[in-house]
């Protein structure tokens, strides 16, 4: 029996919820610049599966990597951490 590894999880912010059962989230990370040695903000956008259409723009969500659900969706919303005001 093969042991399954831990799946990647990211904390991200919902930037679009116009599609059905899909939200676009933006994850931000800090990377140290090689030459200037200062930290630079990098952003990545991911299409993520939202089964119940529960997410709204501005929500902080926890997304988990999953099997490919479509051409662009490889992440799933596991829970809403903080609702937008």
C-alpha atoms as a PDB file:
ATOM      1  CA  UNK A   1       0.000   0.000   0.000  1.00  0.00           C
ATOM      2  CA  UNK A   2       1.377   3.388  -1.039  1.00  0.00           C
ATOM      3  CA  UNK A   3       1.420   6.228   1.490  1.00  0.00           C
ATOM      4  CA  UNK A   4      -0.069   9.502   0.278  1.00  0.00           C
ATOM      5  CA  UNK A   5       1.984  12.633   0.894  1.00  0.00           C
ATOM      6  CA  UNK A   6       0.782  15.937   2.287  1.00  0.00           C
ATOM      7  CA  UNK A   7      -0.910  18.184  -0.247  1.00  0.00           C
ATOM      8  CA  UNK A   8       0.177  21.796  -0.608  1.00  0.00           C
ATOM      9  CA  UNK A   9      -2.018  24.394   1.066  1.00  0.00           C
ATOM     10  CA  UNK A  10      -2.002  28.151   0.549  1.00  0.00           C
ATOM     11  CA  UNK A  11      -3.722  31.097   2.179  1.00  0.00           C
ATOM     12  CA  UNK A  12      -5.162  33.316  -0.556  1.00  0.00           C
ATOM     13  CA  UNK A  13      -7.656  36.113  -1.227  1.00  0.00           C
ATOM     14  CA  UNK A  14     -10.620  35.770  -3.602  1.00  0.00           C
ATOM     15  CA  UNK A  15     -10.368  38.278  -6.477  1.00  0.00           C
ATOM     16  CA  UNK A  16     -13.148  36.991  -8.767  1.00  0.00           C
ATOM     17  CA  UNK A  17     -16.241  34.829  -8.329  1.00  0.00           C
ATOM     18  CA  UNK A  18     -18.008  35.386 -11.651  1.00  0.00           C
ATOM     19  CA  UNK A  19     -17.806  31.758 -12.783  1.00  0.00           C
ATOM     20  CA  UNK A  20     -20.030  28.912 -11.622  1.00  0.00           C
ATOM     21  CA  UNK A  21     -18.357  26.785  -8.905  1.00  0.00           C
ATOM     22  CA  UNK A  22     -14.998  28.486  -9.598  1.00  0.00           C
ATOM     23  CA  UNK A  23     -13.205  31.357  -7.892  1.00  0.00           C
ATOM     24  CA  UNK A  24      -9.966  33.064  -8.841  1.00  0.00           C
ATOM     25  CA  UNK A  25      -7.702  33.560  -5.846  1.00  0.00           C
ATOM     26  CA  UNK A  26      -4.489  35.515  -5.439  1.00  0.00           C
ATOM     27  CA  UNK A  27      -1.712  34.154  -3.228  1.00  0.00           C
ATOM     28  CA  UNK A  28       1.064  36.476  -2.105  1.00  0.00           C
ATOM     29  CA  UNK A  29       4.569  35.475  -1.033  1.00  0.00           C
ATOM     30  CA  UNK A  30       7.772  37.297  -0.101  1.00  0.00           C
ATOM     31  CA  UNK A  31      10.977  36.480  -2.004  1.00  0.00           C
ATOM     32  CA  UNK A  32      14.437  37.795  -1.254  1.00  0.00           C
ATOM     33  CA  UNK A  33      16.033  39.611  -4.218  1.00  0.00           C
ATOM     34  CA  UNK A  34      19.337  38.029  -5.208  1.00  0.00           C
ATOM     35  CA  UNK A  35      21.287  41.239  -5.772  1.00  0.00           C
ATOM     36  CA  UNK A  36      19.620  43.848  -3.559  1.00  0.00           C
ATOM     37  CA  UNK A  37      18.892  41.451  -0.648  1.00  0.00           C
ATOM     38  CA  UNK A  38      15.546  43.045   0.067  1.00  0.00           C
ATOM     39  CA  UNK A  39      12.223  41.249   0.120  1.00  0.00           C
ATOM     40  CA  UNK A  40       9.942  41.624  -2.898  1.00  0.00           C
ATOM     41  CA  UNK A  41       6.248  40.728  -3.033  1.00  0.00           C
ATOM     42  CA  UNK A  42       5.282  38.102  -5.635  1.00  0.00           C
ATOM     43  CA  UNK A  43       1.684  37.275  -6.530  1.00  0.00           C
ATOM     44  CA  UNK A  44       0.184  34.220  -8.185  1.00  0.00           C
ATOM     45  CA  UNK A  45      -3.381  33.695  -9.386  1.00  0.00           C
ATOM     46  CA  UNK A  46      -5.055  30.297  -9.216  1.00  0.00           C
ATOM     47  CA  UNK A  47      -8.439  29.072 -10.398  1.00  0.00           C
ATOM     48  CA  UNK A  48      -9.939  27.165  -7.521  1.00  0.00           C
ATOM     49  CA  UNK A  49     -12.995  24.907  -7.186  1.00  0.00           C
ATOM     50  CA  UNK A  50     -15.775  26.260  -4.931  1.00  0.00           C
ATOM     51  CA  UNK A  51     -18.498  23.602  -4.814  1.00  0.00           C
ATOM     52  CA  UNK A  52     -21.203  25.600  -3.008  1.00  0.00           C
ATOM     53  CA  UNK A  53     -20.483  29.047  -4.550  1.00  0.00           C
ATOM     54  CA  UNK A  54     -19.922  30.286  -0.977  1.00  0.00           C
ATOM     55  CA  UNK A  55     -16.928  32.572  -1.596  1.00  0.00           C
ATOM     56  CA  UNK A  56     -17.249  36.303  -2.172  1.00  0.00           C
ATOM     57  CA  UNK A  57     -14.668  38.825  -3.388  1.00  0.00           C
ATOM     58  CA  UNK A  58     -12.261  39.743  -0.588  1.00  0.00           C
ATOM     59  CA  UNK A  59     -12.662  36.526   1.420  1.00  0.00           C
ATOM     60  CA  UNK A  60      -9.514  34.925   2.828  1.00  0.00           C
ATOM     61  CA  UNK A  61      -9.573  31.224   1.943  1.00  0.00           C
ATOM     62  CA  UNK A  62      -7.424  28.153   2.457  1.00  0.00           C
ATOM     63  CA  UNK A  63      -6.895  26.289  -0.825  1.00  0.00           C
ATOM     64  CA  UNK A  64      -5.580  22.759  -1.217  1.00  0.00           C
ATOM     65  CA  UNK A  65      -3.864  21.236  -4.218  1.00  0.00           C
ATOM     66  CA  UNK A  66      -5.903  18.465  -5.845  1.00  0.00           C
ATOM     67  CA  UNK A  67      -6.134  16.379  -8.995  1.00  0.00           C
ATOM     68  CA  UNK A  68      -6.850  18.362 -12.193  1.00  0.00           C
ATOM     69  CA  UNK A  69     -10.563  19.208 -12.243  1.00  0.00           C
ATOM     70  CA  UNK A  70     -10.379  21.054 -15.572  1.00  0.00           C
ATOM     71  CA  UNK A  71      -7.776  22.653 -17.817  1.00  0.00           C
ATOM     72  CA  UNK A  72      -7.071  25.457 -15.359  1.00  0.00           C
ATOM     73  CA  UNK A  73      -8.407  24.179 -12.001  1.00  0.00           C
ATOM     74  CA  UNK A  74      -5.946  22.235  -9.895  1.00  0.00           C
ATOM     75  CA  UNK A  75      -6.855  23.745  -6.517  1.00  0.00           C
ATOM     76  CA  UNK A  76      -9.913  23.369  -4.263  1.00  0.00           C
ATOM     77  CA  UNK A  77     -11.236  25.747  -1.587  1.00  0.00           C
ATOM     78  CA  UNK A  78     -10.976  23.791   1.662  1.00  0.00           C
ATOM     79  CA  UNK A  79     -12.370  26.456   3.998  1.00  0.00           C
ATOM     80  CA  UNK A  80     -13.146  30.151   4.289  1.00  0.00           C
ATOM     81  CA  UNK A  81     -10.832  31.568   6.936  1.00  0.00           C
ATOM     82  CA  UNK A  82     -12.213  35.120   7.058  1.00  0.00           C
ATOM     83  CA  UNK A  83     -15.264  36.628   5.382  1.00  0.00           C
ATOM     84  CA  UNK A  84     -15.006  39.984   3.592  1.00  0.00           C
ATOM     85  CA  UNK A  85     -16.728  42.947   5.202  1.00  0.00           C
END
